[in-house]
């Protein structure tokens, strides 16, 4: 009888699913993310110039704005003073709100001097303050221990397929004719989206280029089908 019990125990170990385990490389820390935002241009696909050395790559003359609807003030481009500054700030807040999901996330996104390219929804005239909304787009991939064969998450290590994470940002007109609208939003991940990044899941949130999308033909950043790229993370060297 004892041999039968031992044999049954071994058989149970063979057929029962074992808890998933695994590790993946991770940094000591990676927060905060503090990025500048600059106007976005159409990519160069058929160069007719060559950039100066050492970055001697093919280039395209007459840079074209990627956005079909929005711009920023620039004296030699549209006659308005250069007042635009943009910032994207993203920080993990350990210990907020507490176990078991004690890794809150906070964002601050803003860009100033947002103006219209032409009259239309949200736009009284070319160069006017923009009175609509834009949207942030964050190309994302998660690698963590919060996966399962069935929906709902779990403890399996895995990397997600690429997805876009985003949300709209309202723009407010200013009373100063020398500066266009300010588009700003401060977000608590928990308050806005109802959840935090669970602790102990070893989460790496890899992102592509942060993009601000215009509101499209309806000046509404939340209707994404007609939105075009307005601004992206980058640097400006005078």
C-alpha atoms as a PDB file:
ATOM      1  CA  UNK A   1       0.000   0.000   0.000  1.00  0.00           C
ATOM      2  CA  UNK A   2       2.831   2.381   0.835  1.00  0.00           C
ATOM      3  CA  UNK A   3       4.402   1.829  -2.598  1.00  0.00           C
ATOM      4  CA  UNK A   4       1.059   2.663  -4.257  1.00  0.00           C
ATOM      5  CA  UNK A   5       0.768   5.934  -2.326  1.00  0.00           C
ATOM      6  CA  UNK A   6       4.327   6.970  -3.262  1.00  0.00           C
ATOM      7  CA  UNK A   7       3.689   6.094  -6.914  1.00  0.00           C
ATOM      8  CA  UNK A   8       0.490   8.146  -6.965  1.00  0.00           C
ATOM      9  CA  UNK A   9       2.343  11.083  -5.412  1.00  0.00           C
ATOM     10  CA  UNK A  10       5.010  10.981  -8.107  1.00  0.00           C
ATOM     11  CA  UNK A  11       2.343  10.787 -10.813  1.00  0.00           C
ATOM     12  CA  UNK A  12       0.632  13.871  -9.359  1.00  0.00           C
ATOM     13  CA  UNK A  13       3.900  15.818  -9.566  1.00  0.00           C
ATOM     14  CA  UNK A  14       4.288  14.819 -13.214  1.00  0.00           C
ATOM     15  CA  UNK A  15       0.830  15.858 -14.395  1.00  0.00           C
ATOM     16  CA  UNK A  16       0.129  18.872 -12.159  1.00  0.00           C
ATOM     17  CA  UNK A  17       1.149  22.295 -13.546  1.00  0.00           C
ATOM     18  CA  UNK A  18       4.075  23.758 -11.660  1.00  0.00           C
ATOM     19  CA  UNK A  19       4.215  27.445 -10.770  1.00  0.00           C
ATOM     20  CA  UNK A  20       5.954  29.417 -13.509  1.00  0.00           C
ATOM     21  CA  UNK A  21       9.300  30.892 -12.623  1.00  0.00           C
ATOM     22  CA  UNK A  22      11.850  32.948 -14.451  1.00  0.00           C
ATOM     23  CA  UNK A  23      13.954  36.051 -14.370  1.00  0.00           C
ATOM     24  CA  UNK A  24      14.819  38.841 -16.759  1.00  0.00           C
ATOM     25  CA  UNK A  25      17.470  41.525 -16.662  1.00  0.00           C
ATOM     26  CA  UNK A  26      16.460  44.776 -15.014  1.00  0.00           C
ATOM     27  CA  UNK A  27      18.142  48.019 -13.905  1.00  0.00           C
ATOM     28  CA  UNK A  28      18.683  49.165 -10.350  1.00  0.00           C
ATOM     29  CA  UNK A  29      16.224  51.996 -11.033  1.00  0.00           C
ATOM     30  CA  UNK A  30      14.736  53.889 -13.978  1.00  0.00           C
ATOM     31  CA  UNK A  31      12.713  56.892 -12.810  1.00  0.00           C
ATOM     32  CA  UNK A  32      11.994  59.700 -13.423  1.00  0.00           C
ATOM     33  CA  UNK A  33      11.753  60.342 -17.175  1.00  0.00           C
ATOM     34  CA  UNK A  34      12.121  64.039 -18.002  1.00  0.00           C
ATOM     35  CA  UNK A  35      11.942  64.910 -21.709  1.00  0.00           C
ATOM     36  CA  UNK A  36      11.717  68.037 -23.840  1.00  0.00           C
ATOM     37  CA  UNK A  37       9.110  68.257 -26.609  1.00  0.00           C
ATOM     38  CA  UNK A  38       9.766  69.750 -30.051  1.00  0.00           C
ATOM     39  CA  UNK A  39       7.693  70.228 -33.235  1.00  0.00           C
ATOM     40  CA  UNK A  40       7.569  67.181 -35.500  1.00  0.00           C
ATOM     41  CA  UNK A  41       8.404  67.106 -39.217  1.00  0.00           C
ATOM     42  CA  UNK A  42       7.634  64.706 -42.045  1.00  0.00           C
ATOM     43  CA  UNK A  43      10.326  62.053 -42.584  1.00  0.00           C
ATOM     44  CA  UNK A  44      12.727  62.431 -45.490  1.00  0.00           C
ATOM     45  CA  UNK A  45      12.134  59.659 -48.020  1.00  0.00           C
ATOM     46  CA  UNK A  46      13.850  60.959 -51.192  1.00  0.00           C
ATOM     47  CA  UNK A  47      16.834  63.123 -50.332  1.00  0.00           C
ATOM     48  CA  UNK A  48      17.839  66.054 -52.527  1.00  0.00           C
ATOM     49  CA  UNK A  49      20.480  67.429 -50.144  1.00  0.00           C
ATOM     50  CA  UNK A  50      23.245  66.033 -47.905  1.00  0.00           C
ATOM     51  CA  UNK A  51      23.551  66.924 -44.225  1.00  0.00           C
ATOM     52  CA  UNK A  52      26.807  68.423 -42.968  1.00  0.00           C
ATOM     53  CA  UNK A  53      29.521  66.099 -41.617  1.00  0.00           C
ATOM     54  CA  UNK A  54      30.006  64.057 -39.577  1.00  0.00           C
ATOM     55  CA  UNK A  55      26.256  63.282 -39.887  1.00  0.00           C
ATOM     56  CA  UNK A  56      26.448  63.304 -43.674  1.00  0.00           C
ATOM     57  CA  UNK A  57      23.120  61.610 -44.366  1.00  0.00           C
ATOM     58  CA  UNK A  58      20.736  62.321 -47.273  1.00  0.00           C
ATOM     59  CA  UNK A  59      18.266  65.112 -46.417  1.00  0.00           C
ATOM     60  CA  UNK A  60      15.160  66.691 -47.941  1.00  0.00           C
ATOM     61  CA  UNK A  61      14.849  70.424 -48.620  1.00  0.00           C
ATOM     62  CA  UNK A  62      11.877  72.488 -47.393  1.00  0.00           C
ATOM     63  CA  UNK A  63      10.999  70.704 -44.100  1.00  0.00           C
ATOM     64  CA  UNK A  64       7.273  70.043 -43.817  1.00  0.00           C
ATOM     65  CA  UNK A  65       5.312  70.013 -40.559  1.00  0.00           C
ATOM     66  CA  UNK A  66       3.974  66.559 -39.697  1.00  0.00           C
ATOM     67  CA  UNK A  67       0.782  68.095 -38.275  1.00  0.00           C
ATOM     68  CA  UNK A  68      -1.912  69.157 -40.721  1.00  0.00           C
ATOM     69  CA  UNK A  69      -3.576  71.439 -38.161  1.00  0.00           C
ATOM     70  CA  UNK A  70      -1.235  72.858 -35.486  1.00  0.00           C
ATOM     71  CA  UNK A  71       1.991  74.830 -35.275  1.00  0.00           C
ATOM     72  CA  UNK A  72       4.019  76.971 -32.858  1.00  0.00           C
ATOM     73  CA  UNK A  73       5.161  80.577 -33.138  1.00  0.00           C
ATOM     74  CA  UNK A  74       8.405  81.177 -35.056  1.00  0.00           C
ATOM     75  CA  UNK A  75       9.213  84.673 -36.444  1.00  0.00           C
ATOM     76  CA  UNK A  76      10.715  83.655 -39.789  1.00  0.00           C
ATOM     77  CA  UNK A  77       8.115  80.927 -40.386  1.00  0.00           C
ATOM     78  CA  UNK A  78       4.811  82.550 -39.435  1.00  0.00           C
ATOM     79  CA  UNK A  79       5.581  85.979 -37.955  1.00  0.00           C
ATOM     80  CA  UNK A  80       4.833  85.057 -34.314  1.00  0.00           C
ATOM     81  CA  UNK A  81       7.464  85.150 -31.550  1.00  0.00           C
ATOM     82  CA  UNK A  82       9.104  81.878 -30.529  1.00  0.00           C
ATOM     83  CA  UNK A  83       7.421  81.074 -27.205  1.00  0.00           C
ATOM     84  CA  UNK A  84       6.890  77.326 -27.354  1.00  0.00           C
ATOM     85  CA  UNK A  85       8.328  75.086 -24.657  1.00  0.00           C
ATOM     86  CA  UNK A  86       7.241  71.514 -24.040  1.00  0.00           C
ATOM     87  CA  UNK A  87       7.942  69.052 -21.274  1.00  0.00           C
ATOM     88  CA  UNK A  88       7.038  65.459 -20.529  1.00  0.00           C
ATOM     89  CA  UNK A  89       7.696  64.334 -16.935  1.00  0.00           C
ATOM     90  CA  UNK A  90       6.979  60.801 -15.761  1.00  0.00           C
ATOM     91  CA  UNK A  91       7.772  59.402 -12.307  1.00  0.00           C
ATOM     92  CA  UNK A  92       7.239  56.173 -10.386  1.00  0.00           C
ATOM     93  CA  UNK A  93       5.960  56.812  -6.855  1.00  0.00           C
ATOM     94  CA  UNK A  94       6.957  53.834  -4.661  1.00  0.00           C
ATOM     95  CA  UNK A  95       4.744  53.244  -1.660  1.00  0.00           C
ATOM     96  CA  UNK A  96       1.684  54.910  -3.208  1.00  0.00           C
ATOM     97  CA  UNK A  97      -1.008  53.955  -2.374  1.00  0.00           C
ATOM     98  CA  UNK A  98       0.323  50.895  -0.498  1.00  0.00           C
ATOM     99  CA  UNK A  99       0.447  47.092  -0.820  1.00  0.00           C
ATOM    100  CA  UNK A 100      -0.297  45.131  -2.906  1.00  0.00           C
ATOM    101  CA  UNK A 101      -0.085  47.741  -5.679  1.00  0.00           C
ATOM    102  CA  UNK A 102       2.340  50.214  -4.192  1.00  0.00           C
ATOM    103  CA  UNK A 103       3.914  51.627  -7.334  1.00  0.00           C
ATOM    104  CA  UNK A 104       1.860  54.592  -8.466  1.00  0.00           C
ATOM    105  CA  UNK A 105       2.750  56.594 -11.564  1.00  0.00           C
ATOM    106  CA  UNK A 106       2.478  60.346 -12.058  1.00  0.00           C
ATOM    107  CA  UNK A 107       2.672  62.328 -15.306  1.00  0.00           C
ATOM    108  CA  UNK A 108       2.978  66.003 -16.158  1.00  0.00           C
ATOM    109  CA  UNK A 109       2.710  66.875 -19.841  1.00  0.00           C
ATOM    110  CA  UNK A 110       2.619  70.387 -21.241  1.00  0.00           C
ATOM    111  CA  UNK A 111       3.383  72.344 -24.372  1.00  0.00           C
ATOM    112  CA  UNK A 112       2.980  76.107 -24.746  1.00  0.00           C
ATOM    113  CA  UNK A 113       2.282  78.448 -27.663  1.00  0.00           C
ATOM    114  CA  UNK A 114       0.077  76.021 -29.618  1.00  0.00           C
ATOM    115  CA  UNK A 115      -1.403  77.791 -32.644  1.00  0.00           C
ATOM    116  CA  UNK A 116      -3.640  76.959 -35.583  1.00  0.00           C
ATOM    117  CA  UNK A 117      -2.396  76.527 -39.121  1.00  0.00           C
ATOM    118  CA  UNK A 118      -5.748  77.575 -40.605  1.00  0.00           C
ATOM    119  CA  UNK A 119      -9.341  78.376 -39.615  1.00  0.00           C
ATOM    120  CA  UNK A 120     -11.531  75.405 -38.685  1.00  0.00           C
ATOM    121  CA  UNK A 121     -12.841  73.507 -35.638  1.00  0.00           C
ATOM    122  CA  UNK A 122     -11.015  74.840 -32.563  1.00  0.00           C
ATOM    123  CA  UNK A 123      -9.350  77.501 -34.713  1.00  0.00           C
ATOM    124  CA  UNK A 124     -10.666  81.033 -35.261  1.00  0.00           C
ATOM    125  CA  UNK A 125      -7.992  81.829 -37.854  1.00  0.00           C
ATOM    126  CA  UNK A 126      -4.490  80.964 -38.993  1.00  0.00           C
ATOM    127  CA  UNK A 127      -2.114  81.707 -36.107  1.00  0.00           C
ATOM    128  CA  UNK A 128      -4.900  81.863 -33.522  1.00  0.00           C
ATOM    129  CA  UNK A 129      -4.806  80.109 -30.156  1.00  0.00           C
ATOM    130  CA  UNK A 130      -5.921  76.488 -30.462  1.00  0.00           C
ATOM    131  CA  UNK A 131      -9.158  75.797 -28.557  1.00  0.00           C
ATOM    132  CA  UNK A 132      -9.371  72.019 -28.850  1.00  0.00           C
ATOM    133  CA  UNK A 133      -7.504  69.051 -27.387  1.00  0.00           C
ATOM    134  CA  UNK A 134      -4.476  66.975 -28.335  1.00  0.00           C
ATOM    135  CA  UNK A 135      -3.409  63.476 -27.274  1.00  0.00           C
ATOM    136  CA  UNK A 136      -0.248  61.862 -25.963  1.00  0.00           C
ATOM    137  CA  UNK A 137       0.785  58.583 -27.633  1.00  0.00           C
ATOM    138  CA  UNK A 138       3.286  56.293 -25.901  1.00  0.00           C
ATOM    139  CA  UNK A 139       4.413  53.224 -27.920  1.00  0.00           C
ATOM    140  CA  UNK A 140       4.868  50.595 -25.191  1.00  0.00           C
ATOM    141  CA  UNK A 141       6.093  47.076 -24.378  1.00  0.00           C
ATOM    142  CA  UNK A 142       5.842  45.452 -20.932  1.00  0.00           C
ATOM    143  CA  UNK A 143       8.256  42.761 -19.691  1.00  0.00           C
ATOM    144  CA  UNK A 144       7.200  41.508 -16.267  1.00  0.00           C
ATOM    145  CA  UNK A 145       5.898  38.666 -14.101  1.00  0.00           C
ATOM    146  CA  UNK A 146       2.205  39.500 -14.481  1.00  0.00           C
ATOM    147  CA  UNK A 147       1.041  37.072 -17.162  1.00  0.00           C
ATOM    148  CA  UNK A 148      -0.940  33.848 -17.433  1.00  0.00           C
ATOM    149  CA  UNK A 149      -2.316  31.503 -20.065  1.00  0.00           C
ATOM    150  CA  UNK A 150      -5.782  32.810 -19.212  1.00  0.00           C
ATOM    151  CA  UNK A 151      -6.785  36.512 -19.100  1.00  0.00           C
ATOM    152  CA  UNK A 152      -6.383  38.366 -15.813  1.00  0.00           C
ATOM    153  CA  UNK A 153      -2.636  38.280 -15.247  1.00  0.00           C
ATOM    154  CA  UNK A 154      -0.715  36.068 -12.870  1.00  0.00           C
ATOM    155  CA  UNK A 155       2.932  35.308 -12.105  1.00  0.00           C
ATOM    156  CA  UNK A 156       4.307  34.099 -15.449  1.00  0.00           C
ATOM    157  CA  UNK A 157       7.244  36.050 -16.921  1.00  0.00           C
ATOM    158  CA  UNK A 158       6.529  37.362 -20.419  1.00  0.00           C
ATOM    159  CA  UNK A 159       6.911  40.288 -22.808  1.00  0.00           C
ATOM    160  CA  UNK A 160       3.801  41.848 -24.320  1.00  0.00           C
ATOM    161  CA  UNK A 161       3.255  42.579 -27.957  1.00  0.00           C
ATOM    162  CA  UNK A 162       3.735  46.299 -28.739  1.00  0.00           C
ATOM    163  CA  UNK A 163       0.767  48.505 -27.893  1.00  0.00           C
ATOM    164  CA  UNK A 164      -0.015  52.218 -27.731  1.00  0.00           C
ATOM    165  CA  UNK A 165      -0.892  53.843 -24.420  1.00  0.00           C
ATOM    166  CA  UNK A 166      -2.386  57.329 -24.477  1.00  0.00           C
ATOM    167  CA  UNK A 167      -4.869  59.904 -23.261  1.00  0.00           C
ATOM    168  CA  UNK A 168      -6.206  63.330 -24.354  1.00  0.00           C
ATOM    169  CA  UNK A 169      -4.925  66.716 -23.135  1.00  0.00           C
ATOM    170  CA  UNK A 170      -7.043  69.873 -23.136  1.00  0.00           C
ATOM    171  CA  UNK A 171      -5.632  73.134 -24.498  1.00  0.00           C
ATOM    172  CA  UNK A 172      -6.442  76.532 -22.989  1.00  0.00           C
ATOM    173  CA  UNK A 173      -6.261  79.822 -24.870  1.00  0.00           C
ATOM    174  CA  UNK A 174      -4.215  82.638 -23.314  1.00  0.00           C
ATOM    175  CA  UNK A 175      -5.035  86.334 -23.009  1.00  0.00           C
ATOM    176  CA  UNK A 176      -1.619  87.311 -24.368  1.00  0.00           C
ATOM    177  CA  UNK A 177      -1.577  87.682 -28.191  1.00  0.00           C
ATOM    178  CA  UNK A 178       2.188  87.027 -28.149  1.00  0.00           C
ATOM    179  CA  UNK A 179       1.719  83.415 -27.012  1.00  0.00           C
ATOM    180  CA  UNK A 180      -0.653  80.701 -28.176  1.00  0.00           C
ATOM    181  CA  UNK A 181      -2.578  78.142 -26.154  1.00  0.00           C
ATOM    182  CA  UNK A 182      -1.149  76.000 -23.381  1.00  0.00           C
ATOM    183  CA  UNK A 183      -1.919  72.282 -23.474  1.00  0.00           C
ATOM    184  CA  UNK A 184      -1.297  70.761 -20.040  1.00  0.00           C
ATOM    185  CA  UNK A 185      -2.330  67.753 -18.019  1.00  0.00           C
ATOM    186  CA  UNK A 186      -1.199  66.411 -14.635  1.00  0.00           C
ATOM    187  CA  UNK A 187      -2.184  62.798 -14.035  1.00  0.00           C
ATOM    188  CA  UNK A 188      -2.129  60.353 -11.168  1.00  0.00           C
ATOM    189  CA  UNK A 189      -2.100  56.922 -12.790  1.00  0.00           C
ATOM    190  CA  UNK A 190      -4.245  55.440 -10.022  1.00  0.00           C
ATOM    191  CA  UNK A 191      -6.849  58.207  -9.946  1.00  0.00           C
ATOM    192  CA  UNK A 192      -7.103  58.482 -13.724  1.00  0.00           C
ATOM    193  CA  UNK A 193      -6.984  54.848 -14.792  1.00  0.00           C
ATOM    194  CA  UNK A 194      -8.023  53.001 -11.652  1.00  0.00           C
ATOM    195  CA  UNK A 195      -4.943  50.850 -11.109  1.00  0.00           C
ATOM    196  CA  UNK A 196      -1.218  50.971 -10.429  1.00  0.00           C
ATOM    197  CA  UNK A 197       1.721  48.810 -11.463  1.00  0.00           C
ATOM    198  CA  UNK A 198       1.686  45.859  -9.003  1.00  0.00           C
ATOM    199  CA  UNK A 199       4.738  45.471  -6.826  1.00  0.00           C
ATOM    200  CA  UNK A 200       6.983  42.370  -7.008  1.00  0.00           C
ATOM    201  CA  UNK A 201       6.168  41.948 -10.730  1.00  0.00           C
ATOM    202  CA  UNK A 202       9.583  43.213 -11.900  1.00  0.00           C
ATOM    203  CA  UNK A 203       7.962  45.438 -14.496  1.00  0.00           C
ATOM    204  CA  UNK A 204      10.018  47.019 -17.258  1.00  0.00           C
ATOM    205  CA  UNK A 205       7.903  49.473 -19.273  1.00  0.00           C
ATOM    206  CA  UNK A 206       9.888  50.118 -22.466  1.00  0.00           C
ATOM    207  CA  UNK A 207       8.703  53.049 -24.569  1.00  0.00           C
ATOM    208  CA  UNK A 208       9.251  54.288 -28.085  1.00  0.00           C
ATOM    209  CA  UNK A 209       9.263  57.957 -29.043  1.00  0.00           C
ATOM    210  CA  UNK A 210       6.716  59.956 -27.040  1.00  0.00           C
ATOM    211  CA  UNK A 211       4.369  61.727 -29.462  1.00  0.00           C
ATOM    212  CA  UNK A 212       1.772  64.473 -29.120  1.00  0.00           C
ATOM    213  CA  UNK A 213      -1.003  64.103 -31.696  1.00  0.00           C
ATOM    214  CA  UNK A 214      -3.144  67.047 -32.818  1.00  0.00           C
ATOM    215  CA  UNK A 215      -6.943  66.961 -32.563  1.00  0.00           C
ATOM    216  CA  UNK A 216      -7.460  66.293 -36.251  1.00  0.00           C
ATOM    217  CA  UNK A 217     -10.313  67.734 -38.302  1.00  0.00           C
ATOM    218  CA  UNK A 218     -12.661  67.829 -35.277  1.00  0.00           C
ATOM    219  CA  UNK A 219     -10.123  69.365 -32.824  1.00  0.00           C
ATOM    220  CA  UNK A 220     -10.693  66.376 -30.513  1.00  0.00           C
ATOM    221  CA  UNK A 221      -7.608  64.465 -29.374  1.00  0.00           C
ATOM    222  CA  UNK A 222      -9.691  61.506 -28.175  1.00  0.00           C
ATOM    223  CA  UNK A 223     -10.946  60.675 -31.700  1.00  0.00           C
ATOM    224  CA  UNK A 224      -7.680  59.246 -32.951  1.00  0.00           C
ATOM    225  CA  UNK A 225      -8.530  58.233 -36.526  1.00  0.00           C
ATOM    226  CA  UNK A 226      -7.923  61.699 -38.004  1.00  0.00           C
ATOM    227  CA  UNK A 227      -5.156  62.907 -35.679  1.00  0.00           C
ATOM    228  CA  UNK A 228      -1.705  63.704 -37.082  1.00  0.00           C
ATOM    229  CA  UNK A 229       1.636  63.961 -35.287  1.00  0.00           C
ATOM    230  CA  UNK A 230       2.251  67.440 -33.862  1.00  0.00           C
ATOM    231  CA  UNK A 231       5.240  67.196 -31.503  1.00  0.00           C
ATOM    232  CA  UNK A 232       7.702  64.587 -30.251  1.00  0.00           C
ATOM    233  CA  UNK A 233      10.424  64.200 -27.654  1.00  0.00           C
ATOM    234  CA  UNK A 234      13.665  65.811 -28.776  1.00  0.00           C
ATOM    235  CA  UNK A 235      16.226  68.587 -28.357  1.00  0.00           C
ATOM    236  CA  UNK A 236      16.623  72.062 -29.849  1.00  0.00           C
ATOM    237  CA  UNK A 237      20.064  73.578 -30.506  1.00  0.00           C
ATOM    238  CA  UNK A 238      19.873  77.317 -31.452  1.00  0.00           C
END
